[in-house]
Amino acid sequence: MDPLTAANTLATIVQLVGMFKQEHQDAKDANHQKFIEWLQYHRHEDIKNLICNTAAIQAEVTNLLRQDTATILAKLEVMNSTLATLASRIDGFQGLSKSLMPDAELSEQAIFVLKQFVDSGEKTFIFQELSTGAVFQPEQGEPFGFYELRYLSDDIETLEKCGLITLRQISNHGLKIYGITRAGVRYMESISAKGSNGPA
C-alpha cells in the first residue's frame, strides 16, 4: 500500500469508528460485527473488505470499538491535529491545513530546532529552561540557536508530540534529553528549508 493510500485508509477507519461509536453510544452491542454491518449499510465496501480480510487490522478495530466514545473522539482529535501540524509545512498541503485547522502548525522556530538537530548528526540534545536563558545544545557540540526563548519549550514539546523527536530522560534537576527519530529526519528532508537558516 502506497503512503498516501495508507494514510487515507488509517484516517478513514478511525473516523468511521468514531462515527459508529457516536451513533451507538448507549448500545451494549456496539461490537465488531455490528460495525461491519454498519459499514455495509453505509456502503463502505472497500473498508469493510479490508478489515474483514486483514487479521491485524480486524484486531485493532476490535480494540478501538471496546473503548468508550469520548476516548475515541479525543484520540481522533489528537490524530487530526498532529496530521494538520505536520502538513502545515509540506508544500501543497499548507493552504488546506491552515484552512481546516488554523492553530495547528509548526512554528518557524520549531522547524529551525529540528533542522539544527538533524544537521548536527547527533543522536541527542539537552534542554533546560533557566531563569536567565536556557541550556539547549547537542550533548557533544556547540549550543543551538533559537528565535524566542518564551516559546522554545512549547516548540520542542510540539516536535515531540508529532513524533519528530523523542523525550528520553529527565534528570532530577529538570534537564531533558531528547533523541532524534527516523520520522524527524525524513520530515526535515521532505520540507523546504524556508525559515530554517537561523534567528533573524
C-alpha atoms as a PDB file:
ATOM      1  CA  MET A   1       0.000   0.000   0.000  1.00  0.00           C
ATOM      2  CA  ASP A   2       1.469   3.366  -1.024  1.00  0.00           C
ATOM      3  CA  PRO A   3       1.953   6.058   1.678  1.00  0.00           C
ATOM      4  CA  LEU A   4      -0.945   8.246   0.520  1.00  0.00           C
ATOM      5  CA  THR A   5      -3.385   5.325   0.450  1.00  0.00           C
ATOM      6  CA  ALA A   6      -2.178   4.073   3.833  1.00  0.00           C
ATOM      7  CA  ALA A   7      -2.551   7.494   5.471  1.00  0.00           C
ATOM      8  CA  ASN A   8      -6.002   7.981   3.957  1.00  0.00           C
ATOM      9  CA  THR A   9      -7.132   4.492   4.998  1.00  0.00           C
ATOM     10  CA  LEU A  10      -5.935   4.976   8.582  1.00  0.00           C
ATOM     11  CA  ALA A  11      -7.740   8.309   8.906  1.00  0.00           C
ATOM     12  CA  THR A  12     -10.896   6.876   7.308  1.00  0.00           C
ATOM     13  CA  ILE A  13     -11.054   3.819   9.580  1.00  0.00           C
ATOM     14  CA  VAL A  14     -10.561   5.876  12.753  1.00  0.00           C
ATOM     15  CA  GLN A  15     -13.171   8.436  11.658  1.00  0.00           C
ATOM     16  CA  LEU A  16     -15.694   5.718  10.760  1.00  0.00           C
ATOM     17  CA  VAL A  17     -15.175   4.040  14.131  1.00  0.00           C
ATOM     18  CA  GLY A  18     -15.782   7.437  15.754  1.00  0.00           C
ATOM     19  CA  MET A  19     -18.978   7.982  13.773  1.00  0.00           C
ATOM     20  CA  PHE A  20     -20.205   4.469  14.572  1.00  0.00           C
ATOM     21  CA  LYS A  21     -19.488   4.920  18.274  1.00  0.00           C
ATOM     22  CA  GLN A  22     -21.336   8.255  18.302  1.00  0.00           C
ATOM     23  CA  GLU A  23     -24.412   6.621  16.766  1.00  0.00           C
ATOM     24  CA  HIS A  24     -24.261   3.699  19.226  1.00  0.00           C
ATOM     25  CA  GLN A  25     -23.253   5.456  22.445  1.00  0.00           C
ATOM     26  CA  ASP A  26     -25.857   3.655  24.548  1.00  0.00           C
ATOM     27  CA  ALA A  27     -25.779   0.349  22.689  1.00  0.00           C
ATOM     28  CA  LYS A  28     -24.166  -2.518  24.594  1.00  0.00           C
ATOM     29  CA  ASP A  29     -23.873  -4.487  21.367  1.00  0.00           C
ATOM     30  CA  ALA A  30     -21.699  -1.905  19.558  1.00  0.00           C
ATOM     31  CA  ASN A  31     -19.262  -4.645  18.663  1.00  0.00           C
ATOM     32  CA  HIS A  32     -17.159  -5.701  15.684  1.00  0.00           C
ATOM     33  CA  GLN A  33     -19.995  -7.494  13.897  1.00  0.00           C
ATOM     34  CA  LYS A  34     -22.352  -4.527  14.303  1.00  0.00           C
ATOM     35  CA  PHE A  35     -19.621  -2.228  12.958  1.00  0.00           C
ATOM     36  CA  ILE A  36     -19.167  -4.417   9.865  1.00  0.00           C
ATOM     37  CA  GLU A  37     -22.929  -4.377   9.291  1.00  0.00           C
ATOM     38  CA  TRP A  38     -22.912  -0.589   9.740  1.00  0.00           C
ATOM     39  CA  LEU A  39     -20.121  -0.236   7.155  1.00  0.00           C
ATOM     40  CA  GLN A  40     -22.096  -2.381   4.725  1.00  0.00           C
ATOM     41  CA  TYR A  41     -25.275  -0.369   5.299  1.00  0.00           C
ATOM     42  CA  HIS A  42     -23.399   2.884   4.631  1.00  0.00           C
ATOM     43  CA  ARG A  43     -21.704   1.364   1.574  1.00  0.00           C
ATOM     44  CA  HIS A  44     -18.115   1.465   2.785  1.00  0.00           C
ATOM     45  CA  GLU A  45     -17.384  -1.787   0.975  1.00  0.00           C
ATOM     46  CA  ASP A  46     -13.629  -1.241   0.476  1.00  0.00           C
ATOM     47  CA  ILE A  47     -13.056  -0.500   4.165  1.00  0.00           C
ATOM     48  CA  LYS A  48     -15.293  -3.395   5.217  1.00  0.00           C
ATOM     49  CA  ASN A  49     -13.398  -5.832   2.977  1.00  0.00           C
ATOM     50  CA  LEU A  50     -10.014  -4.553   4.154  1.00  0.00           C
ATOM     51  CA  ILE A  51     -10.975  -5.069   7.807  1.00  0.00           C
ATOM     52  CA  CYS A  52     -12.546  -8.493   7.203  1.00  0.00           C
ATOM     53  CA  ASN A  53      -9.588  -9.739   5.154  1.00  0.00           C
ATOM     54  CA  THR A  54      -6.741  -8.437   7.339  1.00  0.00           C
ATOM     55  CA  ALA A  55      -6.440 -10.084  10.742  1.00  0.00           C
ATOM     56  CA  ALA A  56      -4.164  -7.420  12.236  1.00  0.00           C
ATOM     57  CA  ILE A  57      -6.488  -4.576  11.216  1.00  0.00           C
ATOM     58  CA  GLN A  58      -9.512  -6.535  12.440  1.00  0.00           C
ATOM     59  CA  ALA A  59      -7.897  -6.985  15.874  1.00  0.00           C
ATOM     60  CA  GLU A  60      -7.025  -3.276  16.160  1.00  0.00           C
ATOM     61  CA  VAL A  61     -10.516  -2.197  15.096  1.00  0.00           C
ATOM     62  CA  THR A  62     -11.978  -4.512  17.736  1.00  0.00           C
ATOM     63  CA  ASN A  63      -9.704  -2.864  20.345  1.00  0.00           C
ATOM     64  CA  LEU A  64     -10.915   0.575  19.245  1.00  0.00           C
ATOM     65  CA  LEU A  65     -14.562  -0.482  19.468  1.00  0.00           C
ATOM     66  CA  ARG A  66     -14.051  -1.605  23.087  1.00  0.00           C
ATOM     67  CA  GLN A  67     -13.021   1.898  24.106  1.00  0.00           C
ATOM     68  CA  ASP A  68     -15.609   4.450  25.159  1.00  0.00           C
ATOM     69  CA  THR A  69     -16.837   7.046  22.692  1.00  0.00           C
ATOM     70  CA  ALA A  70     -15.201  10.016  24.435  1.00  0.00           C
ATOM     71  CA  THR A  71     -11.812   8.291  24.307  1.00  0.00           C
ATOM     72  CA  ILE A  72     -12.189   7.511  20.594  1.00  0.00           C
ATOM     73  CA  LEU A  73     -13.178  11.091  19.763  1.00  0.00           C
ATOM     74  CA  ALA A  74     -10.322  12.515  21.844  1.00  0.00           C
ATOM     75  CA  LYS A  75      -7.821  10.285  20.008  1.00  0.00           C
ATOM     76  CA  LEU A  76      -9.328  11.293  16.676  1.00  0.00           C
ATOM     77  CA  GLU A  77      -8.901  14.955  17.596  1.00  0.00           C
ATOM     78  CA  VAL A  78      -5.249  14.367  18.515  1.00  0.00           C
ATOM     79  CA  MET A  79      -4.650  12.492  15.266  1.00  0.00           C
ATOM     80  CA  ASN A  80      -6.254  15.229  13.163  1.00  0.00           C
ATOM     81  CA  SER A  81      -4.306  17.930  14.989  1.00  0.00           C
ATOM     82  CA  THR A  82      -0.996  16.078  14.533  1.00  0.00           C
ATOM     83  CA  LEU A  83      -1.664  15.482  10.843  1.00  0.00           C
ATOM     84  CA  ALA A  84      -2.593  19.131  10.299  1.00  0.00           C
ATOM     85  CA  THR A  85       0.516  20.270  12.222  1.00  0.00           C
ATOM     86  CA  LEU A  86       2.813  18.148  10.061  1.00  0.00           C
ATOM     87  CA  ALA A  87       1.018  19.133   6.842  1.00  0.00           C
ATOM     88  CA  SER A  88       1.338  22.847   7.690  1.00  0.00           C
ATOM     89  CA  ARG A  89       4.968  22.781   6.498  1.00  0.00           C
ATOM     90  CA  ILE A  90       4.675  20.498   3.469  1.00  0.00           C
ATOM     91  CA  ASP A  91       4.366  22.191   0.084  1.00  0.00           C
ATOM     92  CA  GLY A  92       0.979  21.531  -1.452  1.00  0.00           C
ATOM     93  CA  PHE A  93      -0.756  20.866   1.877  1.00  0.00           C
ATOM     94  CA  GLN A  94      -0.081  24.156   3.677  1.00  0.00           C
ATOM     95  CA  GLY A  95      -3.170  26.008   2.465  1.00  0.00           C
ATOM     96  CA  LEU A  96      -5.564  23.157   3.177  1.00  0.00           C
ATOM     97  CA  SER A  97      -4.062  22.558   6.617  1.00  0.00           C
ATOM     98  CA  LYS A  98      -4.408  26.235   7.578  1.00  0.00           C
ATOM     99  CA  SER A  99      -7.964  26.398   6.261  1.00  0.00           C
ATOM    100  CA  LEU A 100      -9.107  23.362   8.251  1.00  0.00           C
ATOM    101  CA  MET A 101      -7.101  23.850  11.457  1.00  0.00           C
ATOM    102  CA  PRO A 102      -5.512  27.332  11.601  1.00  0.00           C
ATOM    103  CA  ASP A 103      -3.956  26.771  15.034  1.00  0.00           C
ATOM    104  CA  ALA A 104      -2.236  23.506  14.118  1.00  0.00           C
ATOM    105  CA  GLU A 105       1.154  24.398  12.738  1.00  0.00           C
ATOM    106  CA  LEU A 106       4.858  24.033  13.333  1.00  0.00           C
ATOM    107  CA  SER A 107       6.404  27.422  14.001  1.00  0.00           C
ATOM    108  CA  GLU A 108       9.461  28.743  12.196  1.00  0.00           C
ATOM    109  CA  GLN A 109      11.384  28.193  15.418  1.00  0.00           C
ATOM    110  CA  ALA A 110      10.239  24.558  15.709  1.00  0.00           C
ATOM    111  CA  ILE A 111      11.479  23.891  12.178  1.00  0.00           C
ATOM    112  CA  PHE A 112      14.759  25.656  12.982  1.00  0.00           C
ATOM    113  CA  VAL A 113      15.188  23.492  16.097  1.00  0.00           C
ATOM    114  CA  LEU A 114      14.584  20.299  14.116  1.00  0.00           C
ATOM    115  CA  LYS A 115      16.884  21.399  11.283  1.00  0.00           C
ATOM    116  CA  GLN A 116      19.770  22.113  13.669  1.00  0.00           C
ATOM    117  CA  PHE A 117      19.294  18.762  15.364  1.00  0.00           C
ATOM    118  CA  VAL A 118      19.172  16.837  12.101  1.00  0.00           C
ATOM    119  CA  ASP A 119      22.118  18.766  10.608  1.00  0.00           C
ATOM    120  CA  SER A 120      24.225  18.192  13.745  1.00  0.00           C
ATOM    121  CA  GLY A 121      24.259  14.454  13.123  1.00  0.00           C
ATOM    122  CA  GLU A 122      23.948  13.926  16.887  1.00  0.00           C
ATOM    123  CA  LYS A 123      21.679  11.328  18.479  1.00  0.00           C
ATOM    124  CA  THR A 124      20.522  13.528  21.363  1.00  0.00           C
ATOM    125  CA  PHE A 125      20.308  17.099  22.593  1.00  0.00           C
ATOM    126  CA  ILE A 126      19.787  18.535  26.056  1.00  0.00           C
ATOM    127  CA  PHE A 127      17.331  21.234  27.062  1.00  0.00           C
ATOM    128  CA  GLN A 128      16.590  23.036  30.294  1.00  0.00           C
ATOM    129  CA  GLU A 129      14.901  26.357  30.926  1.00  0.00           C
ATOM    130  CA  LEU A 130      16.779  28.683  33.282  1.00  0.00           C
ATOM    131  CA  SER A 131      15.839  31.998  34.836  1.00  0.00           C
ATOM    132  CA  THR A 132      18.468  33.686  32.657  1.00  0.00           C
ATOM    133  CA  GLY A 133      18.037  31.666  29.448  1.00  0.00           C
ATOM    134  CA  ALA A 134      18.283  28.017  28.513  1.00  0.00           C
ATOM    135  CA  VAL A 135      20.654  25.107  28.138  1.00  0.00           C
ATOM    136  CA  PHE A 136      19.951  23.990  24.572  1.00  0.00           C
ATOM    137  CA  GLN A 137      22.576  22.015  22.676  1.00  0.00           C
ATOM    138  CA  PRO A 138      23.626  18.581  21.452  1.00  0.00           C
ATOM    139  CA  GLU A 139      25.327  16.544  24.164  1.00  0.00           C
ATOM    140  CA  GLN A 140      28.529  16.903  22.138  1.00  0.00           C
ATOM    141  CA  GLY A 141      28.829  20.273  20.410  1.00  0.00           C
ATOM    142  CA  GLU A 142      28.033  23.960  20.328  1.00  0.00           C
ATOM    143  CA  PRO A 143      24.724  25.396  21.622  1.00  0.00           C
ATOM    144  CA  PHE A 144      21.787  25.565  19.213  1.00  0.00           C
ATOM    145  CA  GLY A 145      20.250  28.903  18.272  1.00  0.00           C
ATOM    146  CA  PHE A 146      16.611  29.917  18.728  1.00  0.00           C
ATOM    147  CA  TYR A 147      14.281  32.809  17.925  1.00  0.00           C
ATOM    148  CA  GLU A 148      12.162  33.308  21.030  1.00  0.00           C
ATOM    149  CA  LEU A 149      13.046  31.791  24.407  1.00  0.00           C
ATOM    150  CA  ARG A 150       9.489  32.149  25.736  1.00  0.00           C
ATOM    151  CA  TYR A 151       8.170  29.694  23.117  1.00  0.00           C
ATOM    152  CA  LEU A 152      11.160  27.368  22.896  1.00  0.00           C
ATOM    153  CA  SER A 153       9.808  24.808  25.371  1.00  0.00           C
ATOM    154  CA  ASP A 154       6.429  24.768  23.587  1.00  0.00           C
ATOM    155  CA  ASP A 155       8.071  24.281  20.187  1.00  0.00           C
ATOM    156  CA  ILE A 156      10.179  21.392  21.476  1.00  0.00           C
ATOM    157  CA  GLU A 157       7.093  19.753  23.016  1.00  0.00           C
ATOM    158  CA  THR A 158       5.230  20.141  19.704  1.00  0.00           C
ATOM    159  CA  LEU A 159       8.051  18.371  17.860  1.00  0.00           C
ATOM    160  CA  GLU A 160       7.809  15.573  20.433  1.00  0.00           C
ATOM    161  CA  LYS A 161       4.008  15.279  20.111  1.00  0.00           C
ATOM    162  CA  CYS A 162       4.397  14.943  16.342  1.00  0.00           C
ATOM    163  CA  GLY A 163       6.908  12.121  16.780  1.00  0.00           C
ATOM    164  CA  LEU A 164       9.779  14.068  15.207  1.00  0.00           C
ATOM    165  CA  ILE A 165      11.890  13.892  18.367  1.00  0.00           C
ATOM    166  CA  THR A 166      11.513  11.747  21.473  1.00  0.00           C
ATOM    167  CA  LEU A 167      11.982  12.548  25.164  1.00  0.00           C
ATOM    168  CA  ARG A 168      14.471  10.001  26.504  1.00  0.00           C
ATOM    169  CA  GLN A 169      15.228  11.191  30.000  1.00  0.00           C
ATOM    170  CA  ILE A 170      14.505  13.896  32.581  1.00  0.00           C
ATOM    171  CA  SER A 171      17.046  14.459  35.346  1.00  0.00           C
ATOM    172  CA  ASN A 172      16.158  15.284  38.948  1.00  0.00           C
ATOM    173  CA  HIS A 173      17.120  18.888  38.181  1.00  0.00           C
ATOM    174  CA  GLY A 174      14.794  19.182  35.173  1.00  0.00           C
ATOM    175  CA  LEU A 175      17.377  18.669  32.426  1.00  0.00           C
ATOM    176  CA  LYS A 176      15.666  16.951  29.485  1.00  0.00           C
ATOM    177  CA  ILE A 177      17.414  14.729  26.955  1.00  0.00           C
ATOM    178  CA  TYR A 178      15.742  14.393  23.561  1.00  0.00           C
ATOM    179  CA  GLY A 179      16.571  11.954  20.792  1.00  0.00           C
ATOM    180  CA  ILE A 180      16.054  12.163  17.044  1.00  0.00           C
ATOM    181  CA  THR A 181      13.604   9.849  15.292  1.00  0.00           C
ATOM    182  CA  ARG A 182      13.626   8.460  11.770  1.00  0.00           C
ATOM    183  CA  ALA A 183      10.376  10.333  11.209  1.00  0.00           C
ATOM    184  CA  GLY A 184      12.109  13.577  12.223  1.00  0.00           C
ATOM    185  CA  VAL A 185      14.909  13.097   9.720  1.00  0.00           C
ATOM    186  CA  ARG A 186      12.508  12.111   6.924  1.00  0.00           C
ATOM    187  CA  TYR A 187      10.210  15.025   7.690  1.00  0.00           C
ATOM    188  CA  MET A 188      13.067  17.506   7.587  1.00  0.00           C
ATOM    189  CA  GLU A 189      14.119  16.085   4.226  1.00  0.00           C
ATOM    190  CA  SER A 190      10.578  16.442   2.863  1.00  0.00           C
ATOM    191  CA  ILE A 191      10.065  20.132   3.609  1.00  0.00           C
ATOM    192  CA  SER A 192      11.705  23.218   2.200  1.00  0.00           C
ATOM    193  CA  ALA A 193      14.444  24.984   4.161  1.00  0.00           C
ATOM    194  CA  LYS A 194      12.420  28.216   4.246  1.00  0.00           C
ATOM    195  CA  GLY A 195      12.826  29.996   7.563  1.00  0.00           C
ATOM    196  CA  SER A 196      15.277  27.472   8.961  1.00  0.00           C
ATOM    197  CA  ASN A 197      18.593  29.230   8.483  1.00  0.00           C
ATOM    198  CA  GLY A 198      18.803  30.940  11.865  1.00  0.00           C
ATOM    199  CA  PRO A 199      17.392  33.635  14.073  1.00  0.00           C
ATOM    200  CA  ALA A 200      16.777  36.998  12.437  1.00  0.00           C
END
